[in-house]
Amino acid sequence: MADIPPAAEAVIELGEDGHPLAAPAAETAPAAAPDVVELGEDGEDGQGLPRQAARRADGSIALALRHPVVLRWRTAGTEAVREERIERLVLHRLTGADLRAVTAASEANRAVVAIARSARIPEGKFGAIFDRMDAADLDAAARVLEHFFGPGRKTGR
């Protein structure tokens, strides 16, 4: 899987406006603490992220799949069949090059290309994953991508 775990997990405390609070200099998060997102009663974090999404220290969002996908594949010219269980996607902000690839794709494939580029999984491989994903997980991935298009952090307070 194209998922590279972060070097260190971190707890991010969000203010009422949904933006990260700066931690006091003397205060540090526990080394083994997972990313924490405070959720409202509706299961969202106040910014449209689904319940199973977790912010990571590098700005990406780990999305746990409610219905994991098992992908069986083999490399061309070999007989060995490999099996990979995809239980989560790590989605990153899209770049200009990613947006060019999305707009160049056929209308039917734009969602596949957008999620593949964000997850940093080759489009050919992700097409097979996409075809096996549950609709609820696809909707959650789309909501994470929409979140990336929202306003960024406030500056110049």
N, C-alpha and C. Protein backbone atom coordinates (compact mmCIF):
# COMPACT_ATOMS: atom_id res chain seq x y z
N MET A 1 0.84 -1.17 0.00
CA MET A 1 0.00 0.00 0.00
C MET A 1 0.89 1.24 0.00
N ALA A 2 0.45 2.32 -0.58
CA ALA A 2 1.24 3.54 -0.69
C ALA A 2 1.15 4.38 0.57
N ASP A 3 0.93 3.76 1.68
CA ASP A 3 0.74 4.44 2.94
C ASP A 3 2.04 4.43 3.72
N ILE A 4 2.60 5.58 3.99
CA ILE A 4 3.83 5.68 4.75
C ILE A 4 3.46 6.28 6.10
N PRO A 5 3.65 5.53 7.20
CA PRO A 5 3.26 6.05 8.50
C PRO A 5 4.12 7.24 8.89
N PRO A 6 3.56 8.17 9.66
CA PRO A 6 4.35 9.33 10.08
C PRO A 6 5.45 8.91 11.04
N ALA A 7 6.50 9.71 11.10
CA ALA A 7 7.62 9.40 11.97
C ALA A 7 7.19 9.41 13.43
N ALA A 8 6.30 10.33 13.80
CA ALA A 8 5.81 10.41 15.17
C ALA A 8 4.36 10.82 15.14
N GLU A 9 3.56 10.21 15.99
CA GLU A 9 2.16 10.56 16.09
C GLU A 9 2.06 11.80 16.98
N ALA A 10 1.04 12.61 16.78
CA ALA A 10 0.88 13.81 17.57
C ALA A 10 -0.58 14.06 17.84
N VAL A 11 -0.87 14.70 18.97
CA VAL A 11 -2.22 15.11 19.30
C VAL A 11 -2.34 16.57 18.91
N ILE A 12 -3.36 16.89 18.14
CA ILE A 12 -3.58 18.26 17.72
C ILE A 12 -4.82 18.76 18.43
N GLU A 13 -4.68 19.82 19.19
CA GLU A 13 -5.82 20.39 19.90
C GLU A 13 -6.42 21.48 19.04
N LEU A 14 -7.74 21.40 18.82
CA LEU A 14 -8.42 22.37 17.98
C LEU A 14 -9.19 23.36 18.85
N GLY A 15 -9.16 24.62 18.45
CA GLY A 15 -9.94 25.64 19.12
C GLY A 15 -11.39 25.58 18.67
N GLU A 16 -12.24 26.46 19.21
CA GLU A 16 -13.66 26.46 18.85
C GLU A 16 -13.86 26.75 17.37
N ASP A 17 -12.93 27.48 16.74
CA ASP A 17 -13.05 27.79 15.32
C ASP A 17 -12.57 26.65 14.43
N GLY A 18 -12.10 25.54 15.04
CA GLY A 18 -11.65 24.39 14.27
C GLY A 18 -10.20 24.45 13.85
N HIS A 19 -9.49 25.51 14.19
CA HIS A 19 -8.09 25.65 13.81
C HIS A 19 -7.19 25.16 14.95
N PRO A 20 -6.03 24.62 14.61
CA PRO A 20 -5.12 24.12 15.66
C PRO A 20 -4.67 25.24 16.58
N LEU A 21 -4.59 24.91 17.87
CA LEU A 21 -4.07 25.84 18.86
C LEU A 21 -2.57 25.60 19.00
N ALA A 22 -1.82 26.66 19.21
CA ALA A 22 -0.38 26.51 19.43
C ALA A 22 -0.18 26.02 20.85
N ALA A 23 0.60 24.97 21.00
CA ALA A 23 0.87 24.42 22.33
C ALA A 23 1.88 25.30 23.05
N PRO A 24 1.73 25.50 24.36
CA PRO A 24 2.74 26.26 25.11
C PRO A 24 4.10 25.60 24.95
N ALA A 25 5.15 26.37 24.97
CA ALA A 25 6.50 25.86 24.72
C ALA A 25 6.90 24.73 25.66
N ALA A 26 6.49 24.80 26.94
CA ALA A 26 6.90 23.78 27.91
C ALA A 26 6.05 22.52 27.80
N GLU A 27 4.93 22.58 27.09
CA GLU A 27 4.02 21.43 27.02
C GLU A 27 4.29 20.63 25.75
N THR A 28 4.41 19.32 25.91
CA THR A 28 4.60 18.45 24.74
C THR A 28 3.59 17.32 24.80
N ALA A 29 3.22 16.80 23.66
CA ALA A 29 2.28 15.69 23.57
C ALA A 29 3.00 14.39 23.89
N PRO A 30 2.29 13.41 24.47
CA PRO A 30 2.92 12.12 24.71
C PRO A 30 3.43 11.52 23.41
N ALA A 31 4.57 10.83 23.45
CA ALA A 31 5.20 10.31 22.24
C ALA A 31 4.32 9.31 21.50
N ALA A 32 3.57 8.47 22.20
CA ALA A 32 2.79 7.42 21.55
C ALA A 32 1.33 7.78 21.37
N ALA A 33 0.95 9.04 21.61
CA ALA A 33 -0.46 9.43 21.50
C ALA A 33 -0.89 9.48 20.03
N PRO A 34 -2.06 8.93 19.73
CA PRO A 34 -2.55 8.98 18.34
C PRO A 34 -3.09 10.37 18.03
N ASP A 35 -3.27 10.64 16.73
CA ASP A 35 -3.92 11.88 16.35
C ASP A 35 -5.32 11.87 16.92
N VAL A 36 -5.77 12.99 17.44
CA VAL A 36 -7.09 13.07 18.05
C VAL A 36 -7.86 14.19 17.39
N VAL A 37 -9.08 13.90 17.01
CA VAL A 37 -9.97 14.90 16.46
C VAL A 37 -11.21 14.91 17.33
N GLU A 38 -11.61 16.08 17.82
CA GLU A 38 -12.81 16.16 18.63
C GLU A 38 -14.01 16.21 17.70
N LEU A 39 -14.98 15.32 17.94
CA LEU A 39 -16.13 15.21 17.06
C LEU A 39 -17.37 15.78 17.74
N GLY A 40 -18.24 16.36 16.93
CA GLY A 40 -19.54 16.80 17.42
C GLY A 40 -20.46 15.61 17.56
N GLU A 41 -21.67 15.85 18.03
CA GLU A 41 -22.63 14.76 18.22
C GLU A 41 -23.03 14.10 16.90
N ASP A 42 -22.91 14.83 15.79
CA ASP A 42 -23.30 14.28 14.49
C ASP A 42 -22.21 13.40 13.89
N GLY A 43 -21.08 13.23 14.59
CA GLY A 43 -20.02 12.37 14.09
C GLY A 43 -19.03 13.08 13.21
N GLU A 44 -19.16 14.38 13.02
CA GLU A 44 -18.21 15.12 12.20
C GLU A 44 -17.37 16.02 13.10
N ASP A 45 -16.28 16.49 12.58
CA ASP A 45 -15.36 17.29 13.38
C ASP A 45 -15.65 18.78 13.29
N GLY A 46 -16.78 19.16 12.75
CA GLY A 46 -17.12 20.57 12.62
C GLY A 46 -16.61 21.17 11.34
N GLN A 47 -15.80 20.44 10.59
CA GLN A 47 -15.27 20.93 9.32
C GLN A 47 -15.62 19.97 8.19
N GLY A 48 -16.57 19.09 8.41
CA GLY A 48 -17.03 18.20 7.36
C GLY A 48 -16.28 16.89 7.24
N LEU A 49 -15.34 16.63 8.14
CA LEU A 49 -14.62 15.35 8.08
C LEU A 49 -15.46 14.25 8.70
N PRO A 50 -15.48 13.09 8.07
CA PRO A 50 -16.24 11.97 8.63
C PRO A 50 -15.61 11.45 9.92
N ARG A 51 -16.41 10.74 10.70
CA ARG A 51 -15.98 10.23 12.01
C ARG A 51 -14.70 9.39 11.91
N GLN A 52 -14.55 8.60 10.86
CA GLN A 52 -13.40 7.70 10.77
C GLN A 52 -12.15 8.37 10.21
N ALA A 53 -12.16 9.68 10.07
CA ALA A 53 -11.00 10.42 9.57
C ALA A 53 -10.18 10.95 10.75
N ALA A 54 -8.86 10.86 10.63
CA ALA A 54 -7.97 11.35 11.68
C ALA A 54 -6.90 12.23 11.04
N ARG A 55 -6.76 13.43 11.56
CA ARG A 55 -5.71 14.33 11.08
C ARG A 55 -4.36 13.80 11.53
N ARG A 56 -3.38 13.94 10.66
CA ARG A 56 -2.02 13.53 10.98
C ARG A 56 -1.16 14.78 11.08
N ALA A 57 -0.07 14.68 11.78
CA ALA A 57 0.80 15.83 12.03
C ALA A 57 1.30 16.48 10.74
N ASP A 58 1.44 15.70 9.65
CA ASP A 58 1.95 16.26 8.40
C ASP A 58 0.87 16.92 7.55
N GLY A 59 -0.37 16.99 8.06
CA GLY A 59 -1.45 17.64 7.33
C GLY A 59 -2.30 16.68 6.51
N SER A 60 -1.84 15.45 6.36
CA SER A 60 -2.64 14.45 5.64
C SER A 60 -3.75 13.97 6.58
N ILE A 61 -4.68 13.23 6.01
CA ILE A 61 -5.79 12.70 6.79
C ILE A 61 -5.88 11.20 6.55
N ALA A 62 -5.82 10.44 7.64
CA ALA A 62 -5.96 8.98 7.56
C ALA A 62 -7.45 8.66 7.63
N LEU A 63 -7.94 7.95 6.65
CA LEU A 63 -9.35 7.58 6.58
C LEU A 63 -9.47 6.07 6.74
N ALA A 64 -9.98 5.64 7.88
CA ALA A 64 -10.20 4.21 8.10
C ALA A 64 -11.41 3.79 7.27
N LEU A 65 -11.27 2.72 6.52
CA LEU A 65 -12.38 2.22 5.72
C LEU A 65 -13.30 1.40 6.61
N ARG A 66 -14.59 1.69 6.54
CA ARG A 66 -15.55 0.92 7.33
C ARG A 66 -15.69 -0.48 6.76
N HIS A 67 -15.45 -0.61 5.47
CA HIS A 67 -15.53 -1.90 4.79
C HIS A 67 -14.21 -2.10 4.03
N PRO A 68 -13.20 -2.68 4.71
CA PRO A 68 -11.89 -2.86 4.07
C PRO A 68 -12.01 -3.63 2.75
N VAL A 69 -11.05 -3.37 1.88
CA VAL A 69 -11.01 -3.98 0.56
C VAL A 69 -9.85 -4.97 0.52
N VAL A 70 -10.10 -6.14 -0.06
CA VAL A 70 -9.04 -7.11 -0.27
C VAL A 70 -8.76 -7.13 -1.76
N LEU A 71 -7.54 -6.80 -2.11
CA LEU A 71 -7.13 -6.75 -3.51
C LEU A 71 -6.17 -7.90 -3.77
N ARG A 72 -6.52 -8.76 -4.71
CA ARG A 72 -5.65 -9.86 -5.13
C ARG A 72 -5.09 -9.49 -6.49
N TRP A 73 -3.77 -9.58 -6.63
CA TRP A 73 -3.13 -9.16 -7.87
C TRP A 73 -1.84 -9.93 -8.09
N ARG A 74 -1.39 -9.83 -9.31
CA ARG A 74 -0.09 -10.41 -9.66
C ARG A 74 0.57 -9.48 -10.68
N THR A 75 1.87 -9.52 -10.67
CA THR A 75 2.65 -8.74 -11.61
C THR A 75 2.66 -9.47 -12.96
N ALA A 76 2.52 -8.71 -14.03
CA ALA A 76 2.52 -9.30 -15.37
C ALA A 76 3.75 -10.18 -15.56
N GLY A 77 3.55 -11.35 -16.14
CA GLY A 77 4.65 -12.27 -16.42
C GLY A 77 5.02 -13.16 -15.26
N THR A 78 4.29 -13.08 -14.15
CA THR A 78 4.57 -13.95 -13.01
C THR A 78 3.32 -14.76 -12.67
N GLU A 79 3.50 -15.80 -11.93
CA GLU A 79 2.38 -16.64 -11.50
C GLU A 79 1.98 -16.36 -10.05
N ALA A 80 2.85 -15.71 -9.31
CA ALA A 80 2.58 -15.48 -7.88
C ALA A 80 1.44 -14.47 -7.71
N VAL A 81 0.42 -14.88 -6.95
CA VAL A 81 -0.71 -14.00 -6.65
C VAL A 81 -0.48 -13.41 -5.28
N ARG A 82 -0.58 -12.10 -5.19
CA ARG A 82 -0.41 -11.41 -3.92
C ARG A 82 -1.77 -10.93 -3.44
N GLU A 83 -1.89 -10.80 -2.15
CA GLU A 83 -3.14 -10.31 -1.57
C GLU A 83 -2.81 -9.15 -0.65
N GLU A 84 -3.56 -8.09 -0.77
CA GLU A 84 -3.35 -6.90 0.04
C GLU A 84 -4.68 -6.48 0.62
N ARG A 85 -4.72 -6.26 1.92
CA ARG A 85 -5.93 -5.79 2.60
C ARG A 85 -5.78 -4.30 2.84
N ILE A 86 -6.66 -3.52 2.24
CA ILE A 86 -6.62 -2.07 2.40
C ILE A 86 -7.65 -1.69 3.45
N GLU A 87 -7.15 -1.24 4.61
CA GLU A 87 -8.03 -0.90 5.72
C GLU A 87 -8.15 0.60 5.91
N ARG A 88 -7.24 1.35 5.29
CA ARG A 88 -7.31 2.81 5.39
C ARG A 88 -6.61 3.44 4.20
N LEU A 89 -6.99 4.66 3.93
CA LEU A 89 -6.33 5.48 2.92
C LEU A 89 -5.74 6.68 3.65
N VAL A 90 -4.56 7.07 3.27
CA VAL A 90 -3.97 8.31 3.79
C VAL A 90 -4.05 9.31 2.65
N LEU A 91 -4.89 10.31 2.84
CA LEU A 91 -5.17 11.30 1.80
C LEU A 91 -4.39 12.58 2.06
N HIS A 92 -3.80 13.11 0.99
CA HIS A 92 -2.98 14.32 1.05
C HIS A 92 -3.62 15.43 0.22
N ARG A 93 -3.23 16.65 0.48
CA ARG A 93 -3.71 17.77 -0.32
C ARG A 93 -3.25 17.58 -1.76
N LEU A 94 -4.07 18.01 -2.70
CA LEU A 94 -3.74 17.89 -4.12
C LEU A 94 -2.86 19.06 -4.55
N THR A 95 -2.00 18.80 -5.53
CA THR A 95 -1.15 19.85 -6.10
C THR A 95 -1.71 20.27 -7.45
N GLY A 96 -1.10 21.25 -8.06
CA GLY A 96 -1.50 21.68 -9.40
C GLY A 96 -1.38 20.54 -10.41
N ALA A 97 -0.31 19.76 -10.30
CA ALA A 97 -0.14 18.62 -11.21
C ALA A 97 -1.25 17.59 -11.01
N ASP A 98 -1.65 17.40 -9.76
CA ASP A 98 -2.76 16.48 -9.49
C ASP A 98 -4.05 17.00 -10.13
N LEU A 99 -4.29 18.28 -10.01
CA LEU A 99 -5.51 18.86 -10.60
C LEU A 99 -5.50 18.77 -12.12
N ARG A 100 -4.32 18.92 -12.73
CA ARG A 100 -4.23 18.74 -14.19
C ARG A 100 -4.61 17.31 -14.57
N ALA A 101 -4.12 16.34 -13.81
CA ALA A 101 -4.43 14.94 -14.10
C ALA A 101 -5.93 14.67 -13.92
N VAL A 102 -6.53 15.27 -12.91
CA VAL A 102 -7.96 15.07 -12.67
C VAL A 102 -8.77 15.67 -13.82
N THR A 103 -8.44 16.88 -14.23
CA THR A 103 -9.22 17.52 -15.29
C THR A 103 -8.96 16.87 -16.65
N ALA A 104 -7.81 16.22 -16.82
CA ALA A 104 -7.51 15.54 -18.08
C ALA A 104 -8.22 14.19 -18.18
N ALA A 105 -8.64 13.65 -17.04
CA ALA A 105 -9.32 12.35 -17.04
C ALA A 105 -10.73 12.49 -17.59
N SER A 106 -11.27 11.39 -18.09
CA SER A 106 -12.66 11.42 -18.56
C SER A 106 -13.55 11.71 -17.36
N GLU A 107 -14.71 12.24 -17.63
CA GLU A 107 -15.63 12.59 -16.54
C GLU A 107 -15.93 11.39 -15.66
N ALA A 108 -16.06 10.22 -16.25
CA ALA A 108 -16.35 9.00 -15.49
C ALA A 108 -15.21 8.59 -14.57
N ASN A 109 -13.98 9.00 -14.88
CA ASN A 109 -12.81 8.59 -14.09
C ASN A 109 -12.25 9.67 -13.18
N ARG A 110 -12.85 10.84 -13.14
CA ARG A 110 -12.28 11.94 -12.34
C ARG A 110 -12.22 11.63 -10.85
N ALA A 111 -13.25 10.99 -10.31
CA ALA A 111 -13.23 10.65 -8.89
C ALA A 111 -12.11 9.65 -8.60
N VAL A 112 -11.94 8.67 -9.47
CA VAL A 112 -10.88 7.66 -9.30
C VAL A 112 -9.52 8.35 -9.29
N VAL A 113 -9.29 9.21 -10.26
CA VAL A 113 -8.00 9.89 -10.38
C VAL A 113 -7.76 10.82 -9.19
N ALA A 114 -8.79 11.55 -8.76
CA ALA A 114 -8.63 12.48 -7.64
C ALA A 114 -8.26 11.75 -6.36
N ILE A 115 -8.97 10.68 -6.04
CA ILE A 115 -8.68 9.94 -4.81
C ILE A 115 -7.33 9.24 -4.93
N ALA A 116 -7.03 8.65 -6.09
CA ALA A 116 -5.75 7.97 -6.29
C ALA A 116 -4.59 8.94 -6.11
N ARG A 117 -4.68 10.12 -6.71
CA ARG A 117 -3.59 11.10 -6.59
C ARG A 117 -3.45 11.56 -5.15
N SER A 118 -4.57 11.78 -4.47
CA SER A 118 -4.53 12.21 -3.07
C SER A 118 -3.95 11.12 -2.17
N ALA A 119 -4.29 9.86 -2.46
CA ALA A 119 -3.80 8.73 -1.66
C ALA A 119 -2.38 8.32 -2.05
N ARG A 120 -1.89 8.88 -3.15
CA ARG A 120 -0.55 8.55 -3.67
C ARG A 120 -0.42 7.06 -4.00
N ILE A 121 -1.49 6.55 -4.61
CA ILE A 121 -1.52 5.17 -5.09
C ILE A 121 -1.60 5.25 -6.61
N PRO A 122 -0.82 4.48 -7.35
CA PRO A 122 -0.90 4.53 -8.81
C PRO A 122 -2.34 4.35 -9.29
N GLU A 123 -2.72 5.16 -10.29
CA GLU A 123 -4.10 5.17 -10.75
C GLU A 123 -4.58 3.80 -11.24
N GLY A 124 -3.72 3.05 -11.92
CA GLY A 124 -4.11 1.73 -12.39
C GLY A 124 -4.47 0.80 -11.24
N LYS A 125 -3.67 0.81 -10.20
CA LYS A 125 -3.94 -0.02 -9.04
C LYS A 125 -5.15 0.50 -8.29
N PHE A 126 -5.26 1.81 -8.15
CA PHE A 126 -6.37 2.35 -7.38
C PHE A 126 -7.71 2.12 -8.07
N GLY A 127 -7.72 2.03 -9.39
CA GLY A 127 -8.96 1.74 -10.10
C GLY A 127 -9.57 0.44 -9.62
N ALA A 128 -8.73 -0.58 -9.39
CA ALA A 128 -9.22 -1.87 -8.89
C ALA A 128 -9.70 -1.74 -7.45
N ILE A 129 -9.02 -0.92 -6.65
CA ILE A 129 -9.44 -0.69 -5.27
C ILE A 129 -10.78 0.05 -5.26
N PHE A 130 -10.87 1.10 -6.06
CA PHE A 130 -12.09 1.92 -6.16
C PHE A 130 -13.30 1.05 -6.51
N ASP A 131 -13.12 0.15 -7.47
CA ASP A 131 -14.22 -0.71 -7.91
C ASP A 131 -14.72 -1.62 -6.80
N ARG A 132 -13.88 -1.90 -5.81
CA ARG A 132 -14.25 -2.79 -4.72
C ARG A 132 -14.66 -2.05 -3.45
N MET A 133 -14.50 -0.73 -3.44
CA MET A 133 -14.82 0.05 -2.24
C MET A 133 -16.33 0.21 -2.06
N ASP A 134 -16.74 0.21 -0.80
CA ASP A 134 -18.13 0.45 -0.45
C ASP A 134 -18.46 1.92 -0.72
N ALA A 135 -19.69 2.17 -1.12
CA ALA A 135 -20.11 3.54 -1.45
C ALA A 135 -19.95 4.49 -0.27
N ALA A 136 -20.18 4.02 0.95
CA ALA A 136 -20.03 4.88 2.13
C ALA A 136 -18.57 5.31 2.30
N ASP A 137 -17.63 4.41 2.01
CA ASP A 137 -16.21 4.75 2.10
C ASP A 137 -15.81 5.72 0.99
N LEU A 138 -16.38 5.53 -0.20
CA LEU A 138 -16.11 6.47 -1.30
C LEU A 138 -16.64 7.86 -0.96
N ASP A 139 -17.82 7.92 -0.36
CA ASP A 139 -18.39 9.20 0.06
C ASP A 139 -17.49 9.87 1.10
N ALA A 140 -17.00 9.09 2.05
CA ALA A 140 -16.11 9.64 3.08
C ALA A 140 -14.82 10.17 2.46
N ALA A 141 -14.25 9.46 1.50
CA ALA A 141 -13.03 9.93 0.82
C ALA A 141 -13.32 11.23 0.07
N ALA A 142 -14.46 11.31 -0.58
CA ALA A 142 -14.83 12.54 -1.30
C ALA A 142 -14.98 13.71 -0.33
N ARG A 143 -15.52 13.45 0.85
CA ARG A 143 -15.68 14.52 1.86
C ARG A 143 -14.32 15.00 2.35
N VAL A 144 -13.36 14.09 2.47
CA VAL A 144 -12.01 14.51 2.87
C VAL A 144 -11.40 15.39 1.78
N LEU A 145 -11.55 14.99 0.51
CA LEU A 145 -11.02 15.82 -0.58
C LEU A 145 -11.68 17.18 -0.59
N GLU A 146 -12.99 17.25 -0.38
CA GLU A 146 -13.68 18.54 -0.32
C GLU A 146 -13.13 19.39 0.81
N HIS A 147 -12.80 18.75 1.93
CA HIS A 147 -12.23 19.46 3.07
C HIS A 147 -10.93 20.17 2.68
N PHE A 148 -10.11 19.51 1.85
CA PHE A 148 -8.85 20.11 1.43
C PHE A 148 -9.07 21.37 0.59
N PHE A 149 -10.21 21.50 -0.04
CA PHE A 149 -10.49 22.68 -0.84
C PHE A 149 -11.05 23.83 -0.03
N GLY A 150 -11.33 23.60 1.26
CA GLY A 150 -11.85 24.65 2.12
C GLY A 150 -10.79 25.68 2.41
N PRO A 151 -11.16 26.70 3.17
CA PRO A 151 -10.18 27.74 3.51
C PRO A 151 -9.06 27.17 4.36
N GLY A 152 -7.87 27.67 4.15
CA GLY A 152 -6.71 27.23 4.91
C GLY A 152 -6.67 27.87 6.28
N ARG A 153 -5.55 27.73 6.93
CA ARG A 153 -5.38 28.34 8.26
C ARG A 153 -5.40 29.85 8.15
N LYS A 154 -5.95 30.48 9.18
CA LYS A 154 -5.97 31.94 9.22
C LYS A 154 -4.57 32.45 9.56
N THR A 155 -4.18 33.54 8.93
CA THR A 155 -2.89 34.15 9.22
C THR A 155 -3.07 35.63 9.54
N GLY A 156 -2.09 36.23 10.13
CA GLY A 156 -2.11 37.67 10.39
C GLY A 156 -3.15 38.10 11.40
N ARG A 157 -3.32 37.35 12.45
CA ARG A 157 -4.32 37.70 13.47
C ARG A 157 -4.01 38.97 14.14
